[in-house]
N, C-alpha and C. Protein backbone atom coordinates (compact mmCIF):
# COMPACT_ATOMS: atom_id res chain seq x y z
N MET A 1 14.16 22.84 25.87
CA MET A 1 14.44 23.05 26.65
C MET A 1 14.26 25.05 26.95
N ALA A 2 14.51 24.59 28.03
CA ALA A 2 14.13 26.47 28.44
C ALA A 2 14.79 26.87 29.78
N LEU A 3 14.98 27.61 30.13
CA LEU A 3 15.76 28.04 31.38
C LEU A 3 14.57 28.66 32.82
N ARG A 4 14.77 28.58 33.67
CA ARG A 4 14.11 29.11 34.72
C ARG A 4 14.85 29.19 35.69
N LEU A 5 14.57 30.74 36.44
CA LEU A 5 15.34 31.30 37.70
C LEU A 5 14.88 30.58 38.76
N ASN A 6 16.01 29.87 39.23
CA ASN A 6 15.53 29.27 40.69
C ASN A 6 15.53 30.30 41.71
N PRO A 7 14.58 30.06 42.40
CA PRO A 7 14.31 31.41 43.29
C PRO A 7 15.22 31.07 44.45
N LEU A 8 15.82 29.99 45.17
CA LEU A 8 16.63 29.51 46.60
C LEU A 8 17.81 29.97 45.78
N THR A 9 18.56 29.72 44.71
CA THR A 9 20.06 29.85 44.50
C THR A 9 19.86 30.60 43.95
N GLY A 10 19.27 31.52 42.91
CA GLY A 10 19.49 32.70 42.30
C GLY A 10 19.93 32.37 41.00
N GLU A 11 19.88 31.08 40.64
CA GLU A 11 20.73 30.33 39.33
C GLU A 11 19.44 29.94 38.10
N LEU A 12 20.29 29.76 37.20
CA LEU A 12 19.41 29.52 35.77
C LEU A 12 19.14 27.89 36.04
N ASP A 13 18.48 27.27 35.95
CA ASP A 13 17.86 26.15 35.70
C ASP A 13 17.28 25.38 34.20
N SER A 14 18.28 24.57 33.83
CA SER A 14 17.22 24.38 32.23
C SER A 14 16.38 23.28 33.10
N VAL A 15 15.07 23.61 32.45
CA VAL A 15 13.78 22.31 32.56
C VAL A 15 13.09 22.22 31.46
N SER A 16 12.07 21.56 30.97
CA SER A 16 11.42 20.79 30.24
C SER A 16 10.11 21.73 30.27
N PRO A 17 9.86 22.53 29.26
CA PRO A 17 8.28 23.56 30.00
C PRO A 17 6.81 22.19 29.84
N PRO A 18 6.03 22.97 30.07
CA PRO A 18 4.22 21.63 29.67
C PRO A 18 4.69 21.60 28.38
N GLY A 19 4.81 19.71 28.31
CA GLY A 19 4.08 19.63 26.89
C GLY A 19 5.30 19.55 25.98
N ASP A 20 6.06 19.52 26.56
CA ASP A 20 7.95 19.27 26.13
C ASP A 20 8.03 18.06 25.55
N LEU A 21 8.09 17.38 24.69
CA LEU A 21 8.29 16.04 24.43
C LEU A 21 9.75 15.32 24.46
N GLY A 22 10.63 16.69 24.85
CA GLY A 22 12.04 15.62 25.13
C GLY A 22 12.73 15.78 23.65
N GLY A 23 13.90 15.41 23.64
CA GLY A 23 14.67 14.77 22.53
C GLY A 23 14.20 14.42 21.50
N ALA A 24 14.70 14.44 19.65
CA ALA A 24 14.22 13.70 18.70
C ALA A 24 14.04 11.97 18.97
N GLY A 25 12.74 11.86 18.68
CA GLY A 25 12.83 10.50 18.51
C GLY A 25 12.95 9.95 17.35
N GLY A 26 13.65 8.40 16.74
CA GLY A 26 13.91 7.94 15.16
C GLY A 26 14.86 8.10 14.71
N ALA A 27 15.33 7.72 13.57
CA ALA A 27 16.02 7.63 12.91
C ALA A 27 16.33 8.98 11.68
N ASN A 28 16.98 9.33 11.02
CA ASN A 28 17.43 10.25 10.39
C ASN A 28 16.30 10.27 9.01
N THR A 29 15.06 10.65 8.63
CA THR A 29 13.94 10.99 7.66
C THR A 29 12.71 10.33 8.22
N GLU A 30 12.76 9.95 9.39
CA GLU A 30 11.88 9.16 9.75
C GLU A 30 10.66 10.23 10.56
N VAL A 31 9.50 10.24 10.45
CA VAL A 31 8.74 11.36 10.82
C VAL A 31 8.66 10.96 12.50
N GLN A 32 8.45 11.96 13.06
CA GLN A 32 8.20 12.27 14.68
C GLN A 32 6.82 12.04 14.82
N PHE A 33 6.29 11.67 16.21
CA PHE A 33 5.40 11.77 16.86
C PHE A 33 5.15 11.46 18.04
N ASN A 34 4.30 11.81 18.89
CA ASN A 34 3.91 11.47 20.21
C ASN A 34 3.54 10.61 20.63
N ASP A 35 4.55 9.66 21.30
CA ASP A 35 4.74 8.07 21.42
C ASP A 35 4.69 7.95 23.25
N SER A 36 3.22 8.43 23.64
CA SER A 36 2.99 8.85 25.48
C SER A 36 3.88 9.46 25.55
N THR A 37 3.71 10.62 25.61
CA THR A 37 4.66 11.89 25.94
C THR A 37 6.16 11.78 25.64
N ALA A 38 6.89 10.87 24.92
CA ALA A 38 8.01 10.77 24.19
C ALA A 38 7.96 11.07 22.73
N LEU A 39 8.87 11.57 22.11
CA LEU A 39 8.62 11.86 20.56
C LEU A 39 9.22 10.24 19.83
N GLY A 40 8.76 9.07 19.19
CA GLY A 40 8.91 8.37 18.66
C GLY A 40 9.00 8.49 17.50
N GLY A 41 9.52 7.50 16.46
CA GLY A 41 9.70 7.46 14.85
C GLY A 41 9.93 6.21 14.39
N ASP A 42 9.21 5.67 13.76
CA ASP A 42 9.33 4.30 12.72
C ASP A 42 9.82 4.44 11.69
N ALA A 43 10.45 3.39 11.28
CA ALA A 43 11.15 3.42 10.02
C ALA A 43 10.34 2.93 8.67
N THR A 44 8.90 2.88 9.30
CA THR A 44 7.94 2.38 7.92
C THR A 44 7.54 3.79 7.59
N PHE A 45 7.27 5.09 8.06
CA PHE A 45 7.00 6.41 8.29
C PHE A 45 8.01 7.39 8.39
N TRP A 46 8.41 7.73 7.04
CA TRP A 46 9.14 8.99 6.59
C TRP A 46 9.28 9.40 5.62
N PHE A 47 10.41 10.69 5.96
CA PHE A 47 10.10 11.69 5.02
C PHE A 47 11.37 12.15 4.06
N ASP A 48 11.06 12.22 2.56
CA ASP A 48 12.56 12.46 2.19
C ASP A 48 12.23 14.05 1.37
N LYS A 49 12.92 14.52 2.26
CA LYS A 49 12.58 16.68 1.94
C LYS A 49 13.20 16.84 0.23
N SER A 50 14.31 15.71 0.03
CA SER A 50 14.82 16.18 -1.44
C SER A 50 13.54 15.74 -2.69
N THR A 51 12.65 14.58 -2.54
CA THR A 51 11.82 14.47 -3.21
C THR A 51 10.61 14.80 -2.88
N ASN A 52 10.61 15.63 -1.68
CA ASN A 52 9.57 15.80 -1.42
C ASN A 52 8.06 14.46 -1.73
N THR A 53 8.63 13.51 -1.20
CA THR A 53 8.07 11.47 -0.73
C THR A 53 7.77 11.52 0.82
N LEU A 54 7.13 11.21 1.00
CA LEU A 54 5.74 10.53 2.17
C LEU A 54 5.84 9.10 1.98
N THR A 55 6.95 8.46 2.69
CA THR A 55 6.15 6.96 2.91
C THR A 55 5.77 6.28 4.42
N VAL A 56 4.38 5.52 4.02
CA VAL A 56 4.11 4.99 4.79
C VAL A 56 3.69 3.18 4.46
N GLU A 57 3.94 2.69 5.53
CA GLU A 57 3.65 0.92 4.97
C GLU A 57 2.46 1.03 4.88
N ASN A 58 1.76 1.24 6.26
CA ASN A 58 0.04 1.11 6.26
C ASN A 58 -0.27 2.11 6.40
N LEU A 59 -1.13 2.61 5.77
CA LEU A 59 -2.12 3.73 5.42
C LEU A 59 -3.76 3.56 5.68
N ASN A 60 -4.81 3.90 6.45
CA ASN A 60 -5.64 4.03 6.46
C ASN A 60 -6.12 5.53 6.79
N ILE A 61 -6.95 5.63 5.45
CA ILE A 61 -7.75 6.63 4.98
C ILE A 61 -9.26 6.82 5.33
N THR A 62 -9.64 7.78 6.32
CA THR A 62 -10.95 7.66 6.57
C THR A 62 -11.53 9.27 5.76
N GLY A 63 -12.85 9.42 5.87
CA GLY A 63 -12.87 10.24 5.24
C GLY A 63 -13.25 10.82 3.69
N THR A 64 -12.72 11.96 3.17
CA THR A 64 -12.88 12.50 1.90
C THR A 64 -11.09 12.99 1.76
N THR A 65 -11.06 12.19 0.29
CA THR A 65 -9.64 12.40 -0.21
C THR A 65 -9.37 13.06 -1.47
N GLU A 66 -8.39 13.90 -1.75
CA GLU A 66 -8.45 14.39 -3.20
C GLU A 66 -6.84 14.38 -3.97
N GLU A 67 -6.63 13.90 -4.58
CA GLU A 67 -5.69 13.75 -5.20
C GLU A 67 -5.16 14.40 -6.25
N GLY A 68 -3.63 14.69 -5.73
CA GLY A 68 -3.34 16.02 -6.75
C GLY A 68 -2.17 15.44 -7.22
N GLY A 69 -1.62 15.12 -8.47
CA GLY A 69 -0.34 15.11 -9.36
C GLY A 69 -0.09 13.67 -9.68
N GLU A 70 1.28 12.82 -9.81
CA GLU A 70 1.43 11.84 -9.82
C GLU A 70 0.78 10.43 -8.51
N SER A 71 0.16 9.69 -9.21
CA SER A 71 0.27 8.06 -8.36
C SER A 71 0.88 6.79 -8.97
N THR A 72 0.71 6.48 -7.73
CA THR A 72 1.92 5.27 -8.27
C THR A 72 1.37 3.97 -7.47
N VAL A 73 1.31 2.89 -8.00
CA VAL A 73 0.63 1.48 -7.93
C VAL A 73 2.16 0.51 -7.63
N SER A 74 1.51 -0.50 -6.81
CA SER A 74 2.58 -1.42 -6.84
C SER A 74 2.42 -2.46 -8.33
N VAL A 75 3.43 -3.02 -8.70
CA VAL A 75 3.48 -4.15 -10.29
C VAL A 75 4.23 -5.15 -10.00
N ALA A 76 3.51 -5.99 -9.95
CA ALA A 76 4.37 -7.37 -9.59
C ALA A 76 4.38 -8.40 -11.04
N TYR A 77 5.70 -8.55 -11.29
CA TYR A 77 5.88 -9.42 -12.51
C TYR A 77 5.92 -11.07 -12.02
N LYS A 78 4.89 -11.99 -13.01
CA LYS A 78 4.86 -13.21 -12.76
C LYS A 78 5.05 -14.48 -13.29
N SER A 79 6.00 -15.26 -13.01
CA SER A 79 6.21 -16.38 -14.85
C SER A 79 5.85 -17.38 -14.22
N SER A 80 5.28 -17.48 -12.63
CA SER A 80 4.63 -18.81 -12.62
C SER A 80 3.11 -18.32 -11.80
N ASP A 81 2.20 -19.74 -11.15
CA ASP A 81 0.71 -19.37 -10.57
C ASP A 81 0.72 -18.57 -9.22
N TYR A 82 -0.09 -17.78 -9.00
CA TYR A 82 0.40 -16.54 -8.00
C TYR A 82 -1.23 -16.25 -7.83
N THR A 83 -1.66 -15.93 -6.62
CA THR A 83 -2.47 -15.63 -5.88
C THR A 83 -1.74 -13.88 -5.15
N ILE A 84 -2.99 -13.00 -5.59
CA ILE A 84 -3.00 -11.52 -5.35
C ILE A 84 -2.93 -11.60 -4.21
N THR A 85 -2.04 -10.74 -3.45
CA THR A 85 -2.08 -10.04 -2.20
C THR A 85 -2.55 -8.96 -1.70
N ASP A 86 -2.41 -8.45 -0.37
CA ASP A 86 -3.19 -7.13 -0.45
C ASP A 86 -2.50 -6.21 -0.63
N GLY A 87 -0.97 -6.16 -1.07
CA GLY A 87 -0.57 -4.84 -1.42
C GLY A 87 -1.12 -4.66 -3.40
N ASP A 88 -0.78 -5.85 -4.00
CA ASP A 88 -0.97 -6.03 -4.81
C ASP A 88 -2.21 -5.17 -5.98
N VAL A 89 -1.90 -4.61 -6.60
CA VAL A 89 -2.65 -3.64 -7.82
C VAL A 89 -2.76 -4.15 -9.21
N THR A 90 -1.28 -4.11 -9.77
CA THR A 90 -1.34 -5.02 -11.23
C THR A 90 0.10 -5.84 -11.12
N ILE A 91 -0.44 -6.94 -11.88
CA ILE A 91 0.01 -8.14 -12.31
C ILE A 91 0.76 -8.41 -13.82
N ILE A 92 1.91 -8.51 -13.80
CA ILE A 92 2.39 -8.68 -15.50
C ILE A 92 2.89 -10.14 -15.10
N ALA A 93 1.48 -10.94 -16.29
CA ALA A 93 1.97 -12.83 -15.72
C ALA A 93 2.75 -12.83 -17.27
N ASP A 94 3.68 -13.57 -17.26
CA ASP A 94 4.60 -13.92 -18.42
C ASP A 94 4.60 -15.50 -18.75
N ALA A 95 3.90 -15.69 -19.75
CA ALA A 95 3.24 -17.09 -20.17
C ALA A 95 4.30 -17.73 -21.13
N VAL A 96 5.23 -17.31 -20.71
CA VAL A 96 6.41 -17.88 -22.16
C VAL A 96 6.73 -19.12 -22.12
N SER A 97 6.85 -20.13 -20.70
CA SER A 97 7.10 -20.99 -20.96
C SER A 97 5.90 -22.18 -20.34
N ASN A 98 4.80 -21.51 -20.13
CA ASN A 98 3.80 -22.09 -19.75
C ASN A 98 2.45 -21.19 -18.81
N THR A 99 1.41 -21.71 -18.62
CA THR A 99 0.16 -21.24 -18.53
C THR A 99 0.52 -20.73 -17.17
N VAL A 100 0.02 -19.52 -16.92
CA VAL A 100 0.26 -18.97 -15.61
C VAL A 100 -1.17 -18.75 -15.17
N THR A 101 -1.30 -18.93 -13.92
CA THR A 101 -3.19 -18.66 -13.27
C THR A 101 -3.29 -17.50 -12.15
N ILE A 102 -3.30 -16.69 -12.33
CA ILE A 102 -3.44 -15.57 -11.26
C ILE A 102 -4.57 -15.39 -10.71
N THR A 103 -4.56 -15.97 -9.22
CA THR A 103 -5.62 -15.97 -8.65
C THR A 103 -6.16 -14.62 -7.91
N LEU A 104 -7.20 -14.24 -7.87
CA LEU A 104 -7.96 -13.15 -7.07
C LEU A 104 -7.47 -13.33 -5.82
N PRO A 105 -7.99 -12.21 -5.06
CA PRO A 105 -8.24 -12.42 -3.54
C PRO A 105 -8.99 -13.07 -3.40
N ALA A 106 -9.00 -14.31 -1.59
CA ALA A 106 -10.34 -15.04 -1.36
C ALA A 106 -11.32 -14.11 -0.60
N SER A 107 -10.86 -13.01 0.28
CA SER A 107 -11.94 -12.08 0.64
C SER A 107 -11.41 -10.54 -0.05
N PRO A 108 -11.91 -10.27 -0.75
CA PRO A 108 -11.87 -9.09 -0.86
C PRO A 108 -12.80 -8.03 -0.46
N SER A 109 -12.35 -7.01 -0.15
CA SER A 109 -13.62 -5.68 0.17
C SER A 109 -14.16 -5.20 -1.17
N ALA A 110 -14.95 -4.74 -1.05
CA ALA A 110 -15.99 -3.73 -1.99
C ALA A 110 -15.22 -2.57 -2.31
N GLY A 111 -15.00 -2.40 -3.65
CA GLY A 111 -13.99 -1.59 -4.10
C GLY A 111 -12.58 -1.96 -4.99
N ARG A 112 -12.46 -3.28 -4.12
CA ARG A 112 -10.68 -3.39 -4.25
C ARG A 112 -10.79 -3.92 -5.82
N GLN A 113 -9.65 -3.42 -6.45
CA GLN A 113 -9.70 -3.09 -7.89
C GLN A 113 -8.18 -3.81 -8.52
N ALA A 114 -8.03 -5.04 -9.44
CA ALA A 114 -6.85 -5.77 -9.30
C ALA A 114 -6.53 -5.74 -11.04
N VAL A 115 -5.28 -5.19 -11.51
CA VAL A 115 -5.47 -5.57 -12.95
C VAL A 115 -4.10 -6.82 -13.12
N VAL A 116 -4.82 -7.24 -14.52
CA VAL A 116 -3.65 -8.65 -15.00
C VAL A 116 -3.36 -8.58 -16.29
N LYS A 117 -2.28 -8.25 -16.96
CA LYS A 117 -1.63 -8.44 -18.28
C LYS A 117 -0.67 -9.75 -18.12
N CYS A 118 -0.85 -10.25 -19.65
CA CYS A 118 -0.77 -10.96 -20.41
C CYS A 118 0.45 -10.95 -20.69
N VAL A 119 1.73 -11.36 -20.87
CA VAL A 119 2.39 -11.21 -22.06
C VAL A 119 3.22 -12.25 -22.42
N ASP A 120 3.29 -12.24 -23.78
CA ASP A 120 4.33 -13.51 -24.27
C ASP A 120 2.78 -14.36 -25.29
N ASP A 121 3.47 -14.73 -26.10
CA ASP A 121 1.94 -15.48 -26.54
C ASP A 121 2.20 -16.97 -26.70
N THR A 122 2.88 -17.73 -26.35
CA THR A 122 3.26 -18.89 -26.31
C THR A 122 1.77 -19.73 -25.29
N PHE A 123 2.18 -19.52 -24.20
CA PHE A 123 1.14 -20.07 -23.47
C PHE A 123 -0.60 -18.97 -23.13
N THR A 124 -1.38 -19.44 -22.25
CA THR A 124 -2.39 -18.20 -21.62
C THR A 124 -2.23 -17.72 -20.39
N CYS A 125 -2.61 -16.92 -19.97
CA CYS A 125 -2.85 -16.59 -18.64
C CYS A 125 -4.50 -16.62 -18.39
N ASP A 126 -4.14 -17.68 -16.99
CA ASP A 126 -5.77 -17.91 -16.66
C ASP A 126 -6.02 -16.65 -15.02
N VAL A 127 -7.27 -15.99 -14.77
CA VAL A 127 -7.31 -15.07 -14.01
C VAL A 127 -8.82 -15.99 -13.49
N ALA A 128 -8.27 -16.68 -11.81
CA ALA A 128 -8.92 -17.30 -10.86
C ALA A 128 -9.67 -16.11 -10.06
N GLY A 129 -10.89 -16.66 -10.03
CA GLY A 129 -12.13 -16.14 -8.78
C GLY A 129 -11.60 -16.59 -7.66
N ASN A 130 -11.41 -17.10 -7.39
CA ASN A 130 -11.21 -17.77 -5.97
C ASN A 130 -12.18 -17.93 -5.12
N GLY A 131 -13.03 -18.30 -5.72
CA GLY A 131 -14.83 -18.38 -5.28
C GLY A 131 -15.20 -17.62 -5.69
N LYS A 132 -15.07 -16.44 -6.05
CA LYS A 132 -16.37 -15.46 -6.46
C LYS A 132 -16.19 -15.56 -7.92
N VAL A 133 -17.29 -14.80 -8.68
CA VAL A 133 -17.89 -14.89 -10.16
C VAL A 133 -17.19 -13.96 -10.73
N ILE A 134 -16.22 -14.44 -12.02
CA ILE A 134 -15.92 -12.66 -12.68
C ILE A 134 -17.04 -12.64 -13.97
N ASP A 135 -17.25 -11.12 -13.48
CA ASP A 135 -18.36 -10.82 -14.66
C ASP A 135 -19.88 -12.15 -15.08
N GLY A 136 -20.26 -12.69 -13.63
CA GLY A 136 -20.88 -13.70 -13.75
C GLY A 136 -20.53 -14.51 -14.12
N SER A 137 -19.38 -14.99 -14.19
CA SER A 137 -18.85 -16.44 -14.73
C SER A 137 -18.16 -16.89 -14.13
N SER A 138 -18.31 -18.64 -13.19
CA SER A 138 -17.56 -18.87 -12.30
C SER A 138 -15.98 -19.80 -12.92
N SER A 139 -16.37 -19.75 -14.24
CA SER A 139 -15.14 -20.07 -15.00
C SER A 139 -13.90 -19.31 -14.70
N ASN A 140 -12.91 -19.82 -15.05
CA ASN A 140 -11.30 -19.04 -14.95
C ASN A 140 -11.64 -18.19 -15.98
N PHE A 141 -11.12 -16.59 -16.23
CA PHE A 141 -10.88 -16.09 -17.27
C PHE A 141 -9.27 -15.93 -18.33
N GLN A 142 -9.14 -16.32 -19.67
CA GLN A 142 -8.44 -16.27 -20.11
C GLN A 142 -8.11 -14.92 -20.58
N LEU A 143 -6.37 -14.42 -20.53
CA LEU A 143 -6.05 -13.56 -21.08
C LEU A 143 -5.03 -14.39 -22.44
N TYR A 144 -4.69 -13.60 -23.39
CA TYR A 144 -3.37 -13.96 -24.46
C TYR A 144 -2.73 -12.71 -24.45
N ASP A 145 -1.75 -13.11 -25.61
CA ASP A 145 -0.55 -12.06 -25.56
C ASP A 145 -1.06 -10.78 -25.37
N ASP A 146 -0.39 -10.08 -24.77
CA ASP A 146 -0.61 -8.57 -24.58
C ASP A 146 -2.32 -8.39 -24.27
N GLU A 147 -2.85 -8.98 -23.72
CA GLU A 147 -4.24 -8.98 -22.98
C GLU A 147 -4.66 -8.69 -21.75
N SER A 148 -5.35 -7.41 -21.47
CA SER A 148 -5.27 -7.18 -20.17
C SER A 148 -6.42 -7.08 -19.62
N VAL A 149 -6.51 -7.44 -18.50
CA VAL A 149 -8.09 -7.19 -17.90
C VAL A 149 -8.47 -6.31 -16.48
N SER A 150 -8.95 -5.25 -16.05
CA SER A 150 -8.54 -4.46 -15.23
C SER A 150 -10.57 -4.87 -14.55
N LEU A 151 -10.53 -5.15 -12.98
CA LEU A 151 -11.07 -5.80 -12.39
C LEU A 151 -11.44 -4.86 -11.21
N ILE A 152 -12.97 -4.66 -10.52
CA ILE A 152 -13.09 -3.77 -9.56
C ILE A 152 -14.05 -5.43 -8.52
N TYR A 153 -13.67 -5.00 -7.13
CA TYR A 153 -15.06 -6.54 -7.01
C TYR A 153 -16.37 -5.53 -6.22
N ASP A 154 -17.73 -6.20 -5.95
CA ASP A 154 -18.64 -5.58 -5.54
C ASP A 154 -18.83 -6.91 -4.68
N THR A 155 -20.07 -6.68 -3.79
CA THR A 155 -19.80 -7.59 -2.63
C THR A 155 -21.29 -8.29 -3.11
N THR A 156 -22.08 -7.47 -3.93
CA THR A 156 -23.53 -8.50 -4.39
C THR A 156 -23.04 -9.12 -5.86
N SER A 157 -22.21 -8.83 -6.64
CA SER A 157 -22.26 -9.37 -7.96
C SER A 157 -20.59 -9.95 -8.13
N GLY A 158 -19.60 -10.01 -7.36
CA GLY A 158 -18.76 -10.30 -7.32
C GLY A 158 -17.48 -9.56 -8.26
N TRP A 159 -16.65 -10.11 -9.15
CA TRP A 159 -15.63 -9.62 -9.37
C TRP A 159 -16.20 -8.94 -11.03
N ASN A 160 -16.48 -7.68 -11.05
CA ASN A 160 -16.62 -6.79 -12.19
C ASN A 160 -15.22 -6.14 -13.44
N ILE A 161 -15.55 -6.72 -14.78
CA ILE A 161 -14.56 -6.38 -15.54
C ILE A 161 -15.02 -5.10 -15.74
N VAL A 162 -14.09 -3.87 -15.80
CA VAL A 162 -14.35 -2.71 -15.96
C VAL A 162 -13.12 -2.31 -17.11
C-alpha cells in the first residue's frame, strides 16, 4: 500500500500502486505467485526456510538444468503384484510369501527410468515389460534375493538394462 495526497481534501489517502497485487495469498509456507492480478498460493507448492527445501507436486522443466547437492527419489515397498506409476522410480519387492510381479509402465516416455530390487530369497520377483521388450526379450525378467535391475526406456529398443 502507498499513500497519496488527495488534492480535493488535502488529506493522505491509502492507495494501491500500479502493479501491486494486494495482500498475501495462500497459507503459511506456500509460495506466492501472480494469479490473475491477485497473489495466490497453492498447498502443493511450498517452501520450508528452516531446511531450505522447495516442494512442488508437479514440475515440468524445459531447457538445461544443473544438479547441485543431494537428490532424492521415491521408493515404494511392495509385497504383492504392482504396476509402476508415473511417480515411482525405485520399487523394493518383498517376495517373502509369494512371487511378486512388478509391471513396468504401459506408455513410458523416452528416458523413463525404473529400478526394481528383490528382497528375500523365498520366492522370485518378476519384472514384466507391459507389452514392451526388456533388453530385447518379451519374457519377464526374474530377480532373486538381493538382486536389482536398473532400466531405462528407449522408444526404439524398449526397456534397456543399464
